[in-house]
Amino acid sequence: MPPTFQRWRDAFLEVVQEPTTAAPLKEASLAEDLKAWTASLTSAVVASCRSLGWPAAAKGHRLTELPQAGQEYLSIDVMAFPVANPDVRWRMPMAAYELENHRTDDRVAYSLWKVLCIRAKLRVVFAFRREWEESRRTVEAVCRDVIGGLSATERSAIGGDTVLAIGNRGEGETFPWGYFKFWLLDTNLGRFDKV
């Protein structure tokens, strides 16, 4: 597993196990309240980035470390940056996250397409699906529609780690292990592999 993704995923899973984060996220998942799910997930993603020392911006999470302070950059739901370097005013993003709460695969595909347009070490698209079989179908459809349209040269130029993170209501498993599954893009083969 690539080190940048692994570090972030470990930090994310640690954050979502904290009771103040886990309770509202689990409740929103079980109720399929996707607006609340997105709000809780946004806070968890920002906290996971900040725990790694990556300043992060999102709605409700203002970032002041760049010359232009803001809550969202480039209309990306969450964007994280490397540690400040006093010689660099405009840092390139370390990570870009889209939290797609729409139920159609086309919206998830659009979110994937958006993050693929960002040069970053890590790009993650979150989506919510009711059941795991539905999650697998979403991963297949999004891969076919977005990655399938890229040539081998375009895929190899992507760089960094690209991940689909699908959450659902869980299958009676302990939170968060039964609620989130991760698929990592293999740019050589043009597919997402479950990790």
N, C-alpha and C. Protein backbone atom coordinates (compact mmCIF):
# COMPACT_ATOMS: atom_id res chain seq x y z
N MET A 1 0.84 -1.17 0.00
CA MET A 1 0.00 0.00 0.00
C MET A 1 0.90 1.24 0.00
N PRO A 2 0.60 2.24 -0.84
CA PRO A 2 1.43 3.45 -0.89
C PRO A 2 1.48 4.16 0.46
N PRO A 3 2.65 4.71 0.83
CA PRO A 3 2.80 5.28 2.17
C PRO A 3 1.92 6.50 2.45
N THR A 4 1.71 7.38 1.48
CA THR A 4 0.87 8.57 1.74
C THR A 4 -0.55 8.14 2.04
N PHE A 5 -1.10 7.27 1.22
CA PHE A 5 -2.47 6.79 1.45
C PHE A 5 -2.55 6.04 2.78
N GLN A 6 -1.60 5.18 3.05
CA GLN A 6 -1.63 4.38 4.28
C GLN A 6 -1.58 5.28 5.52
N ARG A 7 -0.70 6.28 5.51
CA ARG A 7 -0.63 7.20 6.65
C ARG A 7 -1.96 7.91 6.85
N TRP A 8 -2.53 8.42 5.74
CA TRP A 8 -3.80 9.13 5.88
C TRP A 8 -4.92 8.19 6.34
N ARG A 9 -5.02 7.00 5.73
CA ARG A 9 -6.10 6.07 6.09
C ARG A 9 -6.01 5.69 7.57
N ASP A 10 -4.80 5.43 8.05
CA ASP A 10 -4.63 5.11 9.48
C ASP A 10 -5.10 6.27 10.35
N ALA A 11 -4.74 7.49 9.96
CA ALA A 11 -5.16 8.67 10.73
C ALA A 11 -6.67 8.84 10.67
N PHE A 12 -7.26 8.62 9.50
CA PHE A 12 -8.71 8.75 9.33
C PHE A 12 -9.45 7.73 10.20
N LEU A 13 -9.02 6.48 10.16
CA LEU A 13 -9.69 5.44 10.94
C LEU A 13 -9.54 5.70 12.44
N GLU A 14 -8.42 6.30 12.83
CA GLU A 14 -8.25 6.66 14.24
C GLU A 14 -9.23 7.77 14.64
N VAL A 15 -9.37 8.77 13.78
CA VAL A 15 -10.28 9.88 14.06
C VAL A 15 -11.73 9.41 14.14
N VAL A 16 -12.15 8.55 13.20
CA VAL A 16 -13.56 8.15 13.18
C VAL A 16 -13.90 7.16 14.30
N GLN A 17 -12.90 6.70 15.04
CA GLN A 17 -13.18 5.86 16.21
C GLN A 17 -13.40 6.68 17.48
N GLU A 18 -13.02 7.96 17.45
CA GLU A 18 -13.23 8.80 18.61
C GLU A 18 -14.74 8.97 18.83
N PRO A 19 -15.22 8.79 20.05
CA PRO A 19 -16.67 8.82 20.32
C PRO A 19 -17.38 10.06 19.79
N THR A 20 -16.75 11.24 19.89
CA THR A 20 -17.42 12.45 19.43
C THR A 20 -17.56 12.51 17.91
N THR A 21 -16.74 11.76 17.21
CA THR A 21 -16.84 11.67 15.75
C THR A 21 -17.66 10.44 15.35
N ALA A 22 -17.40 9.32 16.00
CA ALA A 22 -18.05 8.06 15.64
C ALA A 22 -19.56 8.11 15.80
N ALA A 23 -20.04 8.62 16.92
CA ALA A 23 -21.49 8.59 17.20
C ALA A 23 -22.32 9.29 16.12
N PRO A 24 -22.03 10.56 15.79
CA PRO A 24 -22.85 11.20 14.76
C PRO A 24 -22.68 10.60 13.37
N LEU A 25 -21.46 10.13 13.06
CA LEU A 25 -21.22 9.54 11.75
C LEU A 25 -21.96 8.21 11.62
N LYS A 26 -21.90 7.39 12.66
CA LYS A 26 -22.59 6.10 12.64
C LYS A 26 -24.11 6.32 12.58
N GLU A 27 -24.61 7.26 13.38
CA GLU A 27 -26.04 7.54 13.38
C GLU A 27 -26.52 8.02 12.01
N ALA A 28 -25.76 8.90 11.38
CA ALA A 28 -26.11 9.39 10.05
C ALA A 28 -26.08 8.26 9.02
N SER A 29 -25.10 7.36 9.14
CA SER A 29 -25.02 6.22 8.22
C SER A 29 -26.23 5.31 8.36
N LEU A 30 -26.57 4.97 9.60
CA LEU A 30 -27.70 4.08 9.83
C LEU A 30 -29.02 4.69 9.39
N ALA A 31 -29.17 6.01 9.57
CA ALA A 31 -30.41 6.70 9.18
C ALA A 31 -30.40 7.09 7.70
N GLU A 32 -29.25 6.90 7.04
CA GLU A 32 -29.06 7.33 5.66
C GLU A 32 -29.36 8.81 5.50
N ASP A 33 -28.98 9.58 6.51
CA ASP A 33 -29.09 11.04 6.48
C ASP A 33 -27.80 11.55 5.86
N LEU A 34 -27.80 11.67 4.54
CA LEU A 34 -26.55 11.94 3.83
C LEU A 34 -26.04 13.36 4.03
N LYS A 35 -26.91 14.30 4.36
CA LYS A 35 -26.45 15.66 4.68
C LYS A 35 -25.65 15.64 5.98
N ALA A 36 -26.18 14.98 7.00
CA ALA A 36 -25.46 14.86 8.28
C ALA A 36 -24.21 14.01 8.12
N TRP A 37 -24.30 12.96 7.30
CA TRP A 37 -23.15 12.09 7.02
C TRP A 37 -22.01 12.90 6.43
N THR A 38 -22.33 13.77 5.45
CA THR A 38 -21.32 14.58 4.80
C THR A 38 -20.70 15.58 5.77
N ALA A 39 -21.52 16.20 6.59
CA ALA A 39 -21.00 17.18 7.57
C ALA A 39 -20.05 16.50 8.56
N SER A 40 -20.46 15.34 9.09
CA SER A 40 -19.61 14.61 10.04
C SER A 40 -18.34 14.11 9.36
N LEU A 41 -18.49 13.61 8.16
CA LEU A 41 -17.34 13.09 7.42
C LEU A 41 -16.36 14.20 7.07
N THR A 42 -16.87 15.37 6.73
CA THR A 42 -15.99 16.51 6.43
C THR A 42 -15.11 16.82 7.63
N SER A 43 -15.73 16.90 8.80
CA SER A 43 -14.95 17.18 10.02
C SER A 43 -13.92 16.09 10.29
N ALA A 44 -14.29 14.83 10.04
CA ALA A 44 -13.36 13.71 10.26
C ALA A 44 -12.18 13.77 9.29
N VAL A 45 -12.44 14.09 8.03
CA VAL A 45 -11.37 14.17 7.05
C VAL A 45 -10.42 15.32 7.40
N VAL A 46 -10.98 16.47 7.75
CA VAL A 46 -10.14 17.61 8.14
C VAL A 46 -9.29 17.25 9.36
N ALA A 47 -9.91 16.63 10.36
CA ALA A 47 -9.17 16.25 11.57
C ALA A 47 -8.06 15.25 11.25
N SER A 48 -8.34 14.30 10.35
CA SER A 48 -7.31 13.30 9.99
C SER A 48 -6.13 13.97 9.31
N CYS A 49 -6.41 14.94 8.43
CA CYS A 49 -5.32 15.66 7.76
C CYS A 49 -4.51 16.46 8.77
N ARG A 50 -5.20 17.17 9.62
CA ARG A 50 -4.51 18.00 10.60
C ARG A 50 -3.69 17.16 11.57
N SER A 51 -4.15 15.95 11.86
CA SER A 51 -3.37 15.07 12.76
C SER A 51 -2.04 14.67 12.13
N LEU A 52 -1.96 14.73 10.80
CA LEU A 52 -0.72 14.43 10.09
C LEU A 52 0.13 15.68 9.86
N GLY A 53 -0.37 16.82 10.35
CA GLY A 53 0.36 18.07 10.16
C GLY A 53 0.04 18.76 8.85
N TRP A 54 -1.02 18.31 8.16
CA TRP A 54 -1.41 18.91 6.90
C TRP A 54 -2.51 19.94 7.18
N PRO A 55 -2.26 21.23 7.04
CA PRO A 55 -3.34 22.20 7.18
C PRO A 55 -4.43 21.90 6.14
N ALA A 56 -5.69 21.95 6.56
CA ALA A 56 -6.78 21.57 5.66
C ALA A 56 -7.89 22.61 5.68
N ALA A 57 -8.56 22.73 4.53
CA ALA A 57 -9.67 23.66 4.37
C ALA A 57 -10.90 22.90 3.90
N ALA A 58 -12.07 23.31 4.41
CA ALA A 58 -13.35 22.74 4.00
C ALA A 58 -14.44 23.66 4.53
N LYS A 59 -15.68 23.45 4.10
CA LYS A 59 -16.78 24.24 4.62
C LYS A 59 -16.79 24.11 6.15
N GLY A 60 -16.78 25.25 6.82
CA GLY A 60 -16.75 25.26 8.27
C GLY A 60 -15.37 25.09 8.86
N HIS A 61 -14.36 24.97 8.01
CA HIS A 61 -12.97 24.77 8.46
C HIS A 61 -12.06 25.71 7.66
N ARG A 62 -12.00 26.93 8.09
CA ARG A 62 -11.26 27.98 7.38
C ARG A 62 -9.75 27.76 7.50
N LEU A 63 -9.08 27.96 6.39
CA LEU A 63 -7.61 27.86 6.33
C LEU A 63 -7.05 29.25 6.11
N THR A 64 -6.09 29.64 6.92
CA THR A 64 -5.50 30.98 6.79
C THR A 64 -4.03 30.94 6.39
N GLU A 65 -3.47 29.76 6.18
CA GLU A 65 -2.04 29.64 5.89
C GLU A 65 -1.66 30.04 4.47
N LEU A 66 -2.62 30.13 3.55
CA LEU A 66 -2.32 30.55 2.18
C LEU A 66 -2.59 32.05 2.06
N PRO A 67 -2.02 32.72 1.04
CA PRO A 67 -2.26 34.16 0.87
C PRO A 67 -3.75 34.51 0.76
N GLN A 68 -4.54 33.63 0.22
CA GLN A 68 -5.99 33.82 0.13
C GLN A 68 -6.64 32.85 1.13
N ALA A 69 -7.11 33.36 2.26
CA ALA A 69 -7.77 32.50 3.25
C ALA A 69 -9.09 32.00 2.67
N GLY A 70 -9.47 30.78 3.06
CA GLY A 70 -10.73 30.25 2.54
C GLY A 70 -11.13 28.95 3.19
N GLN A 71 -12.37 28.55 2.87
CA GLN A 71 -12.91 27.29 3.37
C GLN A 71 -12.88 26.21 2.30
N GLU A 72 -12.96 26.58 1.05
CA GLU A 72 -12.85 25.64 -0.06
C GLU A 72 -11.96 26.26 -1.11
N TYR A 73 -11.14 25.43 -1.73
CA TYR A 73 -10.31 25.87 -2.83
C TYR A 73 -10.67 25.05 -4.06
N LEU A 74 -10.79 25.72 -5.19
CA LEU A 74 -11.09 25.08 -6.48
C LEU A 74 -12.39 24.25 -6.43
N SER A 75 -13.30 24.60 -5.56
CA SER A 75 -14.58 23.88 -5.38
C SER A 75 -14.38 22.41 -4.99
N ILE A 76 -13.27 22.13 -4.33
CA ILE A 76 -13.00 20.79 -3.80
C ILE A 76 -13.45 20.78 -2.35
N ASP A 77 -14.17 19.73 -1.93
CA ASP A 77 -14.76 19.69 -0.60
C ASP A 77 -13.75 19.86 0.52
N VAL A 78 -12.65 19.12 0.46
CA VAL A 78 -11.58 19.25 1.46
C VAL A 78 -10.25 19.25 0.70
N MET A 79 -9.40 20.21 1.05
CA MET A 79 -8.08 20.24 0.45
C MET A 79 -7.06 20.41 1.57
N ALA A 80 -6.02 19.58 1.53
CA ALA A 80 -4.97 19.64 2.55
C ALA A 80 -3.65 20.02 1.89
N PHE A 81 -2.81 20.68 2.66
CA PHE A 81 -1.56 21.20 2.14
C PHE A 81 -0.39 20.72 2.98
N PRO A 82 0.81 20.67 2.38
CA PRO A 82 1.98 20.28 3.16
C PRO A 82 2.29 21.36 4.21
N VAL A 83 3.14 21.01 5.12
CA VAL A 83 3.57 21.93 6.17
C VAL A 83 4.15 23.19 5.53
N ALA A 84 3.89 24.31 6.15
CA ALA A 84 4.30 25.60 5.60
C ALA A 84 5.81 25.70 5.38
N ASN A 85 6.16 26.30 4.29
CA ASN A 85 7.54 26.64 3.95
C ASN A 85 7.53 28.15 3.78
N PRO A 86 8.29 28.90 4.59
CA PRO A 86 8.21 30.36 4.52
C PRO A 86 8.61 30.94 3.17
N ASP A 87 9.32 30.16 2.36
CA ASP A 87 9.74 30.64 1.04
C ASP A 87 8.69 30.41 -0.04
N VAL A 88 7.61 29.67 0.27
CA VAL A 88 6.59 29.34 -0.73
C VAL A 88 5.26 29.89 -0.25
N ARG A 89 4.72 30.87 -0.96
CA ARG A 89 3.44 31.46 -0.56
C ARG A 89 2.27 30.58 -0.99
N TRP A 90 2.32 30.06 -2.21
CA TRP A 90 1.22 29.23 -2.74
C TRP A 90 1.70 27.80 -2.86
N ARG A 91 1.39 27.01 -1.85
CA ARG A 91 1.79 25.60 -1.87
C ARG A 91 0.81 24.78 -2.71
N MET A 92 1.34 23.80 -3.41
CA MET A 92 0.48 22.86 -4.13
C MET A 92 -0.21 21.96 -3.10
N PRO A 93 -1.42 21.50 -3.36
CA PRO A 93 -2.11 20.66 -2.37
C PRO A 93 -1.42 19.32 -2.17
N MET A 94 -1.48 18.86 -0.95
CA MET A 94 -0.99 17.53 -0.59
C MET A 94 -2.06 16.49 -0.92
N ALA A 95 -3.33 16.86 -0.62
CA ALA A 95 -4.44 15.92 -0.81
C ALA A 95 -5.71 16.69 -1.17
N ALA A 96 -6.56 16.02 -1.96
CA ALA A 96 -7.86 16.58 -2.35
C ALA A 96 -8.92 15.51 -2.11
N TYR A 97 -10.02 15.92 -1.47
CA TYR A 97 -11.08 14.98 -1.11
C TYR A 97 -12.42 15.52 -1.61
N GLU A 98 -13.19 14.67 -2.23
CA GLU A 98 -14.56 14.99 -2.59
C GLU A 98 -15.46 14.05 -1.80
N LEU A 99 -16.48 14.59 -1.17
CA LEU A 99 -17.41 13.81 -0.35
C LEU A 99 -18.76 13.82 -1.07
N GLU A 100 -18.99 12.83 -1.86
CA GLU A 100 -20.18 12.79 -2.71
C GLU A 100 -21.30 12.06 -2.00
N ASN A 101 -22.36 12.78 -1.69
CA ASN A 101 -23.49 12.14 -1.01
C ASN A 101 -24.67 11.88 -1.93
N HIS A 102 -24.49 12.10 -3.22
CA HIS A 102 -25.55 11.83 -4.19
C HIS A 102 -25.60 10.33 -4.47
N ARG A 103 -26.76 9.83 -4.76
CA ARG A 103 -26.93 8.39 -4.92
C ARG A 103 -26.63 7.87 -6.33
N THR A 104 -26.38 8.76 -7.29
CA THR A 104 -26.12 8.27 -8.65
C THR A 104 -24.62 8.08 -8.88
N ASP A 105 -24.31 7.07 -9.66
CA ASP A 105 -22.91 6.80 -10.00
C ASP A 105 -22.30 7.93 -10.83
N ASP A 106 -23.12 8.61 -11.63
CA ASP A 106 -22.59 9.71 -12.43
C ASP A 106 -22.04 10.84 -11.56
N ARG A 107 -22.67 11.09 -10.42
CA ARG A 107 -22.16 12.13 -9.52
C ARG A 107 -20.84 11.70 -8.88
N VAL A 108 -20.73 10.42 -8.55
CA VAL A 108 -19.47 9.91 -8.00
C VAL A 108 -18.39 9.97 -9.08
N ALA A 109 -18.76 9.62 -10.31
CA ALA A 109 -17.81 9.70 -11.43
C ALA A 109 -17.34 11.14 -11.63
N TYR A 110 -18.27 12.09 -11.54
CA TYR A 110 -17.90 13.50 -11.66
C TYR A 110 -16.91 13.90 -10.57
N SER A 111 -17.14 13.46 -9.34
CA SER A 111 -16.23 13.77 -8.23
C SER A 111 -14.85 13.17 -8.49
N LEU A 112 -14.81 11.94 -9.01
CA LEU A 112 -13.52 11.32 -9.35
C LEU A 112 -12.82 12.13 -10.44
N TRP A 113 -13.56 12.50 -11.47
CA TRP A 113 -13.00 13.29 -12.56
C TRP A 113 -12.43 14.59 -12.01
N LYS A 114 -13.16 15.25 -11.08
CA LYS A 114 -12.69 16.50 -10.49
C LYS A 114 -11.35 16.31 -9.79
N VAL A 115 -11.24 15.30 -8.92
CA VAL A 115 -9.98 15.14 -8.18
C VAL A 115 -8.84 14.70 -9.08
N LEU A 116 -9.15 13.99 -10.16
CA LEU A 116 -8.09 13.61 -11.10
C LEU A 116 -7.50 14.82 -11.81
N CYS A 117 -8.24 15.92 -11.83
CA CYS A 117 -7.74 17.16 -12.43
C CYS A 117 -6.82 17.93 -11.50
N ILE A 118 -6.67 17.45 -10.27
CA ILE A 118 -5.83 18.11 -9.26
C ILE A 118 -4.51 17.37 -9.14
N ARG A 119 -3.42 18.14 -9.15
CA ARG A 119 -2.10 17.54 -8.94
C ARG A 119 -1.87 17.48 -7.44
N ALA A 120 -1.92 16.26 -6.89
CA ALA A 120 -1.73 16.07 -5.45
C ALA A 120 -1.18 14.67 -5.22
N LYS A 121 -0.57 14.46 -4.06
CA LYS A 121 -0.06 13.13 -3.73
C LYS A 121 -1.18 12.16 -3.40
N LEU A 122 -2.32 12.70 -2.95
CA LEU A 122 -3.44 11.85 -2.56
C LEU A 122 -4.75 12.49 -3.00
N ARG A 123 -5.59 11.68 -3.66
CA ARG A 123 -6.93 12.10 -4.07
C ARG A 123 -7.91 11.03 -3.59
N VAL A 124 -8.94 11.46 -2.85
CA VAL A 124 -9.90 10.51 -2.30
C VAL A 124 -11.31 10.99 -2.62
N VAL A 125 -12.13 10.07 -3.11
CA VAL A 125 -13.55 10.34 -3.32
C VAL A 125 -14.33 9.44 -2.38
N PHE A 126 -15.14 10.06 -1.51
CA PHE A 126 -16.04 9.32 -0.64
C PHE A 126 -17.41 9.25 -1.29
N ALA A 127 -18.08 8.14 -1.08
CA ALA A 127 -19.48 7.98 -1.52
C ALA A 127 -20.19 7.12 -0.49
N PHE A 128 -21.50 7.19 -0.48
CA PHE A 128 -22.31 6.38 0.42
C PHE A 128 -23.20 5.48 -0.42
N ARG A 129 -23.24 4.22 -0.07
CA ARG A 129 -24.15 3.27 -0.70
C ARG A 129 -24.78 2.43 0.39
N ARG A 130 -26.01 2.05 0.18
CA ARG A 130 -26.76 1.31 1.20
C ARG A 130 -26.15 -0.04 1.50
N GLU A 131 -25.78 -0.79 0.48
CA GLU A 131 -25.27 -2.17 0.65
C GLU A 131 -23.93 -2.32 -0.06
N TRP A 132 -23.15 -3.32 0.36
CA TRP A 132 -21.83 -3.52 -0.23
C TRP A 132 -21.90 -3.95 -1.69
N GLU A 133 -22.89 -4.71 -2.07
CA GLU A 133 -23.01 -5.08 -3.48
C GLU A 133 -23.20 -3.83 -4.34
N GLU A 134 -23.99 -2.91 -3.84
CA GLU A 134 -24.19 -1.63 -4.53
C GLU A 134 -22.86 -0.86 -4.59
N SER A 135 -22.06 -0.94 -3.55
CA SER A 135 -20.75 -0.29 -3.53
C SER A 135 -19.85 -0.84 -4.61
N ARG A 136 -19.82 -2.15 -4.74
CA ARG A 136 -18.98 -2.78 -5.78
C ARG A 136 -19.42 -2.35 -7.17
N ARG A 137 -20.74 -2.27 -7.38
CA ARG A 137 -21.24 -1.84 -8.69
C ARG A 137 -20.84 -0.39 -8.97
N THR A 138 -20.88 0.45 -7.93
CA THR A 138 -20.47 1.84 -8.11
C THR A 138 -19.01 1.93 -8.50
N VAL A 139 -18.15 1.19 -7.81
CA VAL A 139 -16.72 1.21 -8.14
C VAL A 139 -16.51 0.76 -9.59
N GLU A 140 -17.17 -0.31 -10.00
CA GLU A 140 -17.04 -0.80 -11.37
C GLU A 140 -17.51 0.23 -12.38
N ALA A 141 -18.67 0.86 -12.13
CA ALA A 141 -19.23 1.84 -13.07
C ALA A 141 -18.34 3.07 -13.18
N VAL A 142 -17.89 3.58 -12.04
CA VAL A 142 -17.05 4.77 -12.03
C VAL A 142 -15.71 4.50 -12.72
N CYS A 143 -15.15 3.34 -12.46
CA CYS A 143 -13.89 2.97 -13.11
C CYS A 143 -14.09 2.88 -14.63
N ARG A 144 -15.12 2.21 -15.04
CA ARG A 144 -15.40 2.06 -16.47
C ARG A 144 -15.59 3.43 -17.13
N ASP A 145 -16.39 4.29 -16.49
CA ASP A 145 -16.76 5.56 -17.11
C ASP A 145 -15.66 6.61 -17.08
N VAL A 146 -14.84 6.63 -16.03
CA VAL A 146 -13.80 7.66 -15.92
C VAL A 146 -12.44 7.10 -16.32
N ILE A 147 -12.00 6.08 -15.64
CA ILE A 147 -10.66 5.52 -15.90
C ILE A 147 -10.62 4.84 -17.26
N GLY A 148 -11.72 4.19 -17.63
CA GLY A 148 -11.79 3.50 -18.91
C GLY A 148 -11.65 4.43 -20.10
N GLY A 149 -11.92 5.70 -19.92
CA GLY A 149 -11.79 6.67 -21.00
C GLY A 149 -10.38 7.23 -21.15
N LEU A 150 -9.47 6.83 -20.27
CA LEU A 150 -8.09 7.33 -20.32
C LEU A 150 -7.19 6.34 -21.06
N SER A 151 -6.26 6.88 -21.82
CA SER A 151 -5.27 6.01 -22.47
C SER A 151 -4.26 5.56 -21.41
N ALA A 152 -3.46 4.57 -21.74
CA ALA A 152 -2.42 4.09 -20.82
C ALA A 152 -1.46 5.23 -20.47
N THR A 153 -1.15 6.07 -21.43
CA THR A 153 -0.25 7.21 -21.19
C THR A 153 -0.89 8.20 -20.23
N GLU A 154 -2.18 8.48 -20.41
CA GLU A 154 -2.88 9.40 -19.49
C GLU A 154 -2.95 8.82 -18.08
N ARG A 155 -3.20 7.52 -17.98
CA ARG A 155 -3.26 6.88 -16.64
C ARG A 155 -1.91 6.96 -15.95
N SER A 156 -0.83 6.69 -16.68
CA SER A 156 0.50 6.69 -16.06
C SER A 156 0.92 8.09 -15.64
N ALA A 157 0.33 9.13 -16.24
CA ALA A 157 0.68 10.50 -15.90
C ALA A 157 -0.08 11.01 -14.68
N ILE A 158 -1.02 10.23 -14.16
CA ILE A 158 -1.84 10.69 -13.03
C ILE A 158 -0.97 11.00 -11.82
N GLY A 159 -0.10 10.12 -11.44
CA GLY A 159 0.77 10.35 -10.28
C GLY A 159 -0.01 10.34 -8.98
N GLY A 160 0.67 10.09 -7.89
CA GLY A 160 0.03 10.05 -6.58
C GLY A 160 -0.92 8.88 -6.42
N ASP A 161 -1.67 8.91 -5.33
CA ASP A 161 -2.62 7.84 -5.00
C ASP A 161 -4.04 8.35 -5.23
N THR A 162 -4.86 7.54 -5.89
CA THR A 162 -6.26 7.87 -6.11
C THR A 162 -7.10 6.78 -5.48
N VAL A 163 -8.05 7.17 -4.63
CA VAL A 163 -8.78 6.21 -3.81
C VAL A 163 -10.28 6.50 -3.88
N LEU A 164 -11.06 5.43 -3.96
CA LEU A 164 -12.50 5.51 -3.74
C LEU A 164 -12.76 4.95 -2.35
N ALA A 165 -13.43 5.71 -1.51
CA ALA A 165 -13.77 5.28 -0.15
C ALA A 165 -15.29 5.24 -0.06
N ILE A 166 -15.83 4.04 0.06
CA ILE A 166 -17.28 3.88 0.07
C ILE A 166 -17.74 3.54 1.48
N GLY A 167 -18.66 4.34 1.97
CA GLY A 167 -19.25 4.09 3.27
C GLY A 167 -20.66 3.56 3.10
N ASN A 168 -21.11 2.79 4.07
CA ASN A 168 -22.49 2.32 4.06
C ASN A 168 -22.99 2.16 5.48
N ARG A 169 -24.12 1.50 5.63
CA ARG A 169 -24.72 1.35 6.95
C ARG A 169 -24.01 0.30 7.78
N GLY A 170 -23.08 -0.41 7.22
CA GLY A 170 -22.39 -1.47 7.95
C GLY A 170 -23.20 -2.74 7.93
N GLU A 171 -22.56 -3.81 8.26
CA GLU A 171 -23.20 -5.12 8.24
C GLU A 171 -23.11 -5.75 9.62
N GLY A 172 -23.43 -4.95 10.64
CA GLY A 172 -23.37 -5.45 12.00
C GLY A 172 -21.96 -5.54 12.53
N GLU A 173 -21.01 -4.97 11.80
CA GLU A 173 -19.62 -5.01 12.22
C GLU A 173 -19.30 -3.81 13.12
N THR A 174 -18.18 -3.86 13.75
CA THR A 174 -17.75 -2.77 14.62
C THR A 174 -17.42 -1.53 13.79
N PHE A 175 -17.92 -0.39 14.22
CA PHE A 175 -17.63 0.86 13.54
C PHE A 175 -16.17 1.25 13.80
N PRO A 176 -15.40 1.70 12.83
CA PRO A 176 -15.73 2.03 11.46
C PRO A 176 -15.43 0.93 10.45
N TRP A 177 -14.92 -0.22 10.93
CA TRP A 177 -14.42 -1.27 10.03
C TRP A 177 -15.51 -1.80 9.11
N GLY A 178 -16.74 -1.90 9.55
CA GLY A 178 -17.81 -2.38 8.69
C GLY A 178 -18.48 -1.30 7.88
N TYR A 179 -18.05 -0.06 8.04
CA TYR A 179 -18.72 1.06 7.39
C TYR A 179 -17.93 1.67 6.24
N PHE A 180 -16.63 1.52 6.21
CA PHE A 180 -15.80 2.10 5.16
C PHE A 180 -14.94 1.03 4.51
N LYS A 181 -14.94 1.03 3.19
CA LYS A 181 -14.04 0.18 2.41
C LYS A 181 -13.31 1.09 1.43
N PHE A 182 -12.07 0.73 1.13
CA PHE A 182 -11.22 1.57 0.29
C PHE A 182 -10.76 0.79 -0.94
N TRP A 183 -10.78 1.48 -2.09
CA TRP A 183 -10.30 0.93 -3.35
C TRP A 183 -9.24 1.88 -3.89
N LEU A 184 -8.06 1.35 -4.20
CA LEU A 184 -6.92 2.13 -4.69
C LEU A 184 -6.76 1.92 -6.19
N LEU A 185 -6.58 3.01 -6.92
CA LEU A 185 -6.42 2.94 -8.37
C LEU A 185 -5.05 2.37 -8.72
N ASP A 186 -5.07 1.33 -9.55
CA ASP A 186 -3.85 0.78 -10.15
C ASP A 186 -3.77 1.41 -11.53
N THR A 187 -2.90 2.39 -11.70
CA THR A 187 -2.84 3.11 -12.98
C THR A 187 -2.30 2.23 -14.11
N ASN A 188 -1.49 1.23 -13.78
CA ASN A 188 -0.97 0.34 -14.83
C ASN A 188 -2.09 -0.51 -15.44
N LEU A 189 -2.95 -1.04 -14.58
CA LEU A 189 -4.02 -1.92 -15.06
C LEU A 189 -5.33 -1.18 -15.33
N GLY A 190 -5.42 0.05 -14.87
CA GLY A 190 -6.63 0.82 -15.11
C GLY A 190 -7.83 0.33 -14.33
N ARG A 191 -7.61 -0.07 -13.08
CA ARG A 191 -8.71 -0.58 -12.25
C ARG A 191 -8.47 -0.20 -10.79
N PHE A 192 -9.56 -0.28 -10.01
CA PHE A 192 -9.48 -0.05 -8.58
C PHE A 192 -9.41 -1.38 -7.87
N ASP A 193 -8.44 -1.54 -6.99
CA ASP A 193 -8.30 -2.76 -6.20
C ASP A 193 -8.66 -2.46 -4.75
N LYS A 194 -9.44 -3.33 -4.14
CA LYS A 194 -9.84 -3.17 -2.74
C LYS A 194 -8.61 -3.39 -1.87
N VAL A 195 -8.38 -2.45 -0.92
CA VAL A 195 -7.23 -2.56 -0.01
C VAL A 195 -7.70 -2.57 1.43
